[in-house]
Amino acid sequence: MRNFNRSQHQIKPVKSLGQNFLTDQNIAKSIVELLEAESDDMLIEIGPGEGALTSILVETPASVQAVEFDRRAVEYLKTHYPQDLFPKFNLFGGDIRRFPLAEFASEHRSKTGKKPKIIGNIPYNITSDILFLLFDNASYLERAVITMQREVAQRLVANLRTKDYGILTIAASFVSHPRIAMSIAPECFFPKPKIHSSVVILDFSEQMLTPERFKKVMPIVRAGFNQRRKMLSNSLRSVLPTDEMLLSDIPTRYFNKRAEELTPNDFIYISDTIRAQIPTV
Protein backbone atom coordinates (compact mmCIF):
# COMPACT_ATOMS: atom_id res chain seq x y z
CA MET A 1 0.00 0.00 0.00
CA ARG A 2 1.18 3.51 -0.78
CA ASN A 3 1.55 6.44 1.60
CA PHE A 4 -0.20 9.75 1.08
CA ASN A 5 1.81 12.88 0.53
CA ARG A 6 0.77 16.37 1.50
CA SER A 7 -0.48 17.33 -1.93
CA GLN A 8 -3.00 14.50 -1.87
CA HIS A 9 -4.85 15.71 1.25
CA GLN A 10 -8.35 16.86 0.42
CA ILE A 11 -9.12 18.25 3.89
CA LYS A 12 -7.02 20.83 5.68
CA PRO A 13 -6.57 19.65 9.28
CA VAL A 14 -8.07 21.96 11.90
CA LYS A 15 -6.06 22.34 15.08
CA SER A 16 -9.10 23.10 17.25
CA LEU A 17 -10.58 19.73 16.24
CA GLY A 18 -7.39 17.91 17.19
CA GLN A 19 -7.00 16.58 13.64
CA ASN A 20 -3.85 14.68 12.73
CA PHE A 21 -4.53 12.44 9.74
CA LEU A 22 -2.79 9.08 9.59
CA THR A 23 -0.83 8.88 6.33
CA ASP A 24 1.00 5.54 6.51
CA GLN A 25 -1.28 2.93 4.99
CA ASN A 26 0.86 0.02 6.14
CA ILE A 27 0.35 1.12 9.73
CA ALA A 28 -3.35 1.68 9.03
CA LYS A 29 -3.60 -1.91 7.84
CA SER A 30 -1.84 -3.16 10.99
CA ILE A 31 -4.26 -1.20 13.18
CA VAL A 32 -7.31 -2.65 11.45
CA GLU A 33 -5.92 -6.17 11.77
CA LEU A 34 -5.94 -5.74 15.57
CA LEU A 35 -9.74 -5.63 15.43
CA GLU A 36 -9.90 -9.19 14.06
CA ALA A 37 -13.00 -8.24 12.07
CA GLU A 38 -15.35 -11.09 11.20
CA SER A 39 -18.61 -11.58 9.37
CA ASP A 40 -21.58 -10.11 11.29
CA ASP A 41 -19.25 -7.79 13.18
CA MET A 42 -20.19 -4.15 13.49
CA LEU A 43 -17.16 -1.84 13.44
CA ILE A 44 -17.74 1.65 14.79
CA GLU A 45 -15.08 4.05 13.57
CA ILE A 46 -14.55 7.25 15.53
CA GLY A 47 -13.40 10.24 13.49
CA PRO A 48 -12.50 8.69 10.12
CA GLY A 49 -11.35 12.01 8.66
CA GLU A 50 -10.01 11.33 5.16
CA GLY A 51 -10.55 7.60 5.57
CA ALA A 52 -7.09 6.10 6.14
CA LEU A 53 -8.68 3.36 8.24
CA THR A 54 -12.04 3.46 6.47
CA SER A 55 -10.55 2.39 3.15
CA ILE A 56 -9.36 -0.81 4.83
CA LEU A 57 -12.39 -1.35 7.06
CA VAL A 58 -14.76 -1.46 4.11
CA GLU A 59 -12.71 -4.32 2.64
CA THR A 60 -13.40 -6.52 5.69
CA PRO A 61 -16.47 -8.79 5.91
CA ALA A 62 -17.89 -6.59 8.67
CA SER A 63 -20.31 -3.67 8.58
CA VAL A 64 -18.90 -0.22 9.30
CA GLN A 65 -20.57 2.63 11.14
CA ALA A 66 -18.45 5.78 10.93
CA VAL A 67 -19.01 8.74 13.25
CA GLU A 68 -17.52 12.01 12.01
CA PHE A 69 -17.93 15.52 13.43
CA ASP A 70 -16.19 17.56 10.71
CA ARG A 71 -18.74 18.46 8.02
CA ARG A 72 -16.00 18.63 5.38
CA ALA A 73 -14.99 15.06 6.16
CA VAL A 74 -18.62 13.94 6.15
CA GLU A 75 -19.05 15.22 2.59
CA TYR A 76 -15.72 13.70 1.55
CA LEU A 77 -16.68 10.28 2.93
CA LYS A 78 -20.14 10.40 1.36
CA THR A 79 -18.52 11.05 -2.01
CA HIS A 80 -15.88 8.31 -1.73
CA TYR A 81 -18.07 5.65 -0.08
CA PRO A 82 -21.54 5.97 -1.66
CA GLN A 83 -24.22 3.65 -0.33
CA ASP A 84 -24.81 1.94 -3.68
CA LEU A 85 -21.16 0.86 -3.91
CA PHE A 86 -20.58 0.31 -0.18
CA PRO A 87 -23.90 -0.97 1.21
CA LYS A 88 -22.29 -2.06 4.51
CA PHE A 89 -20.90 1.41 5.18
CA ASN A 90 -22.97 3.97 7.08
CA LEU A 91 -22.08 7.44 8.24
CA PHE A 92 -23.28 9.44 11.23
CA GLY A 93 -22.47 13.14 11.02
CA GLY A 94 -21.98 14.40 14.55
CA ASP A 95 -20.02 14.27 17.79
CA ILE A 96 -19.22 10.74 19.01
CA ARG A 97 -20.21 11.94 22.48
CA ARG A 98 -23.73 12.48 21.13
CA PHE A 99 -23.91 9.19 19.25
CA PRO A 100 -26.46 6.75 20.80
CA LEU A 101 -23.82 4.11 21.39
CA ALA A 102 -25.71 1.93 23.88
CA GLU A 103 -28.89 1.83 21.80
CA PHE A 104 -26.97 1.19 18.59
CA ALA A 105 -24.91 -1.59 20.15
CA SER A 106 -27.97 -3.23 21.74
CA GLU A 107 -29.81 -3.26 18.43
CA HIS A 108 -26.86 -4.85 16.63
CA ARG A 109 -26.48 -7.51 19.32
CA SER A 110 -30.18 -8.37 19.17
CA LYS A 111 -29.79 -9.02 15.43
CA THR A 112 -26.46 -10.86 15.38
CA GLY A 113 -25.70 -11.91 18.95
CA LYS A 114 -22.40 -9.97 18.73
CA LYS A 115 -21.17 -6.81 20.40
CA PRO A 116 -19.68 -4.03 18.26
CA LYS A 117 -15.97 -3.28 18.03
CA ILE A 118 -14.61 0.26 18.19
CA ILE A 119 -11.72 1.70 16.21
CA GLY A 120 -10.35 5.18 15.75
CA ASN A 121 -7.50 7.61 15.60
CA ILE A 122 -9.14 9.84 18.17
CA PRO A 123 -8.61 13.60 18.60
CA TYR A 124 -6.02 14.30 21.27
CA ASN A 125 -8.09 17.08 22.84
CA ILE A 126 -11.04 14.82 23.74
CA THR A 127 -9.20 11.55 24.39
CA SER A 128 -10.33 11.34 28.01
CA ASP A 129 -13.96 12.05 27.08
CA ILE A 130 -13.96 9.27 24.50
CA LEU A 131 -12.27 6.78 26.81
CA PHE A 132 -14.88 7.34 29.51
CA LEU A 133 -17.62 7.05 26.90
CA LEU A 134 -16.23 3.58 26.15
CA PHE A 135 -15.82 2.72 29.84
CA ASP A 136 -19.40 3.77 30.61
CA ASN A 137 -20.67 1.59 27.75
CA ALA A 138 -18.19 -1.27 28.17
CA SER A 139 -20.90 -3.86 28.76
CA TYR A 140 -22.16 -3.24 25.21
CA LEU A 141 -18.77 -3.58 23.50
CA GLU A 142 -16.39 -6.41 22.62
CA ARG A 143 -13.15 -4.51 22.11
CA ALA A 144 -11.69 -1.19 21.09
CA VAL A 145 -8.56 -0.41 19.10
CA ILE A 146 -7.72 3.21 19.73
CA THR A 147 -4.82 5.38 18.59
CA MET A 148 -3.96 8.05 21.17
CA GLN A 149 -1.04 10.04 22.51
CA ARG A 150 1.59 7.84 24.10
CA GLU A 151 1.37 9.59 27.47
CA VAL A 152 -2.32 8.69 27.84
CA ALA A 153 -1.70 5.13 26.69
CA GLN A 154 0.91 4.74 29.42
CA ARG A 155 -1.60 5.87 32.03
CA LEU A 156 -4.00 3.13 30.97
CA VAL A 157 -1.45 0.41 31.71
CA ALA A 158 0.51 2.06 34.55
CA ASN A 159 1.79 0.19 37.57
CA LEU A 160 0.91 0.87 41.18
CA ARG A 161 2.89 3.67 42.89
CA THR A 162 4.01 5.36 39.68
CA LYS A 163 3.29 8.89 38.45
CA ASP A 164 1.20 7.57 35.55
CA TYR A 165 -1.01 5.47 37.85
CA GLY A 166 -4.28 7.29 38.28
CA ILE A 167 -7.95 7.66 37.43
CA LEU A 168 -7.59 6.32 33.86
CA THR A 169 -5.61 3.31 35.09
CA ILE A 170 -8.24 2.33 37.63
CA ALA A 171 -11.21 3.02 35.37
CA ALA A 172 -9.73 0.98 32.51
CA SER A 173 -8.96 -1.96 34.80
CA PHE A 174 -12.53 -1.99 36.15
CA VAL A 175 -14.09 -2.68 32.75
CA SER A 176 -11.37 -3.92 30.41
CA HIS A 177 -7.99 -5.49 29.90
CA PRO A 178 -5.87 -2.74 28.27
CA ARG A 179 -2.60 -3.28 26.46
CA ILE A 180 -0.38 -1.20 24.21
CA ALA A 181 -0.16 -2.98 20.85
CA MET A 182 2.13 -0.69 18.87
CA SER A 183 3.75 2.74 18.71
CA ILE A 184 3.49 5.25 15.87
CA ALA A 185 6.02 7.97 15.09
CA PRO A 186 4.93 11.57 14.47
CA GLU A 187 6.11 11.29 10.85
CA CYS A 188 3.18 8.98 10.12
CA PHE A 189 0.65 11.79 10.55
CA PHE A 190 -0.23 15.02 8.79
CA PRO A 191 0.31 17.49 10.25
CA LYS A 192 3.15 15.93 12.22
CA PRO A 193 2.31 16.12 15.95
CA LYS A 194 4.92 17.00 18.55
CA ILE A 195 4.27 13.76 20.42
CA HIS A 196 4.41 10.03 19.71
CA SER A 197 1.25 7.96 19.50
CA SER A 198 0.33 4.48 20.67
CA VAL A 199 -2.33 2.01 19.62
CA VAL A 200 -4.16 0.55 22.61
CA ILE A 201 -6.39 -2.51 22.63
CA LEU A 202 -9.17 -2.48 25.23
CA ASP A 203 -10.58 -5.97 25.66
CA PHE A 204 -14.04 -5.73 27.26
CA SER A 205 -14.69 -9.48 27.44
CA GLU A 206 -13.88 -9.67 31.16
CA GLN A 207 -15.06 -6.90 33.47
CA MET A 208 -14.55 -6.48 37.21
CA LEU A 209 -17.61 -4.29 37.66
CA THR A 210 -21.12 -3.95 36.29
CA PRO A 211 -22.06 -0.52 34.89
CA GLU A 212 -23.99 0.24 38.08
CA ARG A 213 -21.06 -0.55 40.38
CA PHE A 214 -18.65 1.31 38.07
CA LYS A 215 -20.70 4.49 38.57
CA LYS A 216 -20.65 4.02 42.34
CA VAL A 217 -16.93 3.37 42.66
CA MET A 218 -15.65 6.14 40.36
CA PRO A 219 -16.51 9.05 42.72
CA ILE A 220 -14.21 7.42 45.29
CA VAL A 221 -11.44 7.02 42.70
CA ARG A 222 -11.75 10.61 41.49
CA ALA A 223 -11.79 12.01 45.03
CA GLY A 224 -8.63 10.10 45.87
CA PHE A 225 -6.64 11.11 42.80
CA ASN A 226 -7.87 14.68 42.57
CA GLN A 227 -5.85 15.22 45.75
CA ARG A 228 -3.33 12.46 45.16
CA ARG A 229 -0.68 13.83 47.52
CA LYS A 230 -3.06 13.80 50.46
CA MET A 231 -3.69 10.83 52.70
CA LEU A 232 -6.94 8.99 52.07
CA SER A 233 -8.34 10.23 55.37
CA ASN A 234 -8.28 13.76 53.89
CA SER A 235 -8.92 13.19 50.20
CA LEU A 236 -12.17 11.25 50.74
CA ARG A 237 -13.82 13.88 52.91
CA SER A 238 -15.37 15.52 49.85
CA VAL A 239 -17.49 12.42 49.11
CA LEU A 240 -18.45 11.48 52.67
CA PRO A 241 -21.38 13.08 54.49
CA THR A 242 -19.60 13.09 57.86
CA ASP A 243 -16.12 12.70 59.32
CA GLU A 244 -17.53 10.11 61.71
CA MET A 245 -18.24 7.83 58.78
CA LEU A 246 -14.61 8.00 57.74
CA LEU A 247 -13.51 6.96 61.20
CA SER A 248 -16.10 4.26 61.71
CA ASP A 249 -16.61 2.64 58.32
CA ILE A 250 -13.29 2.73 56.45
CA PRO A 251 -10.69 0.24 57.73
CA THR A 252 -7.82 1.93 59.56
CA ARG A 253 -5.25 0.33 57.24
CA TYR A 254 -6.27 2.87 54.56
CA PHE A 255 -6.03 6.01 56.71
CA ASN A 256 -2.39 6.84 56.01
CA LYS A 257 -2.28 5.72 52.39
CA ARG A 258 -2.46 7.84 49.25
CA ALA A 259 -4.60 6.96 46.23
CA GLU A 260 -1.57 5.87 44.20
CA GLU A 261 -0.94 3.13 46.77
CA LEU A 262 -4.39 1.55 46.37
CA THR A 263 -5.24 -1.25 43.97
CA PRO A 264 -8.50 -1.34 42.00
CA ASN A 265 -9.79 -3.92 44.48
CA ASP A 266 -9.00 -1.55 47.34
CA PHE A 267 -11.20 1.12 45.79
CA ILE A 268 -13.97 -1.42 45.27
CA TYR A 269 -13.75 -2.49 48.91
CA ILE A 270 -13.90 1.09 50.19
CA SER A 271 -16.83 1.89 47.93
CA ASP A 272 -18.73 -1.24 48.94
CA THR A 273 -18.17 -0.35 52.60
CA ILE A 274 -19.78 3.06 52.32
CA ARG A 275 -21.66 2.94 49.00
CA ALA A 276 -25.07 3.48 50.59
CA GLN A 277 -23.88 6.95 51.59
CA ILE A 278 -22.22 7.91 48.30
CA PRO A 279 -24.36 9.68 45.66
CA THR A 280 -24.21 8.14 42.19
CA VAL A 281 -22.84 10.51 39.58
Foldseek 3Di string as FASTA:
>chain_A
DDFDDPVPDPDDDDVVQLDWAFTDLVVLLVLVVVQVDDALAEEEEEACQLNSNPVVVLVHNAAYEYEHADPVSVVNCCVVQPCVNRVSYHYHHHHPLPDPQLVVLVVSCVVRVAAYEYEYAHRAVCVVVVLVVCLLNLVSHFKYKYKYFPLLLCLCCDDFPDPSPALNVLSLQQFWDKDWDAKAAQVRIVPRDPTIMTIMMTGRPDGNDDSVLSQQLSVLRCLQRVPQVDQSLPSCPVFAPDNVCVVPQQDPVRRGHGSSNDDSVSSSVSSVRCSVRGDGD
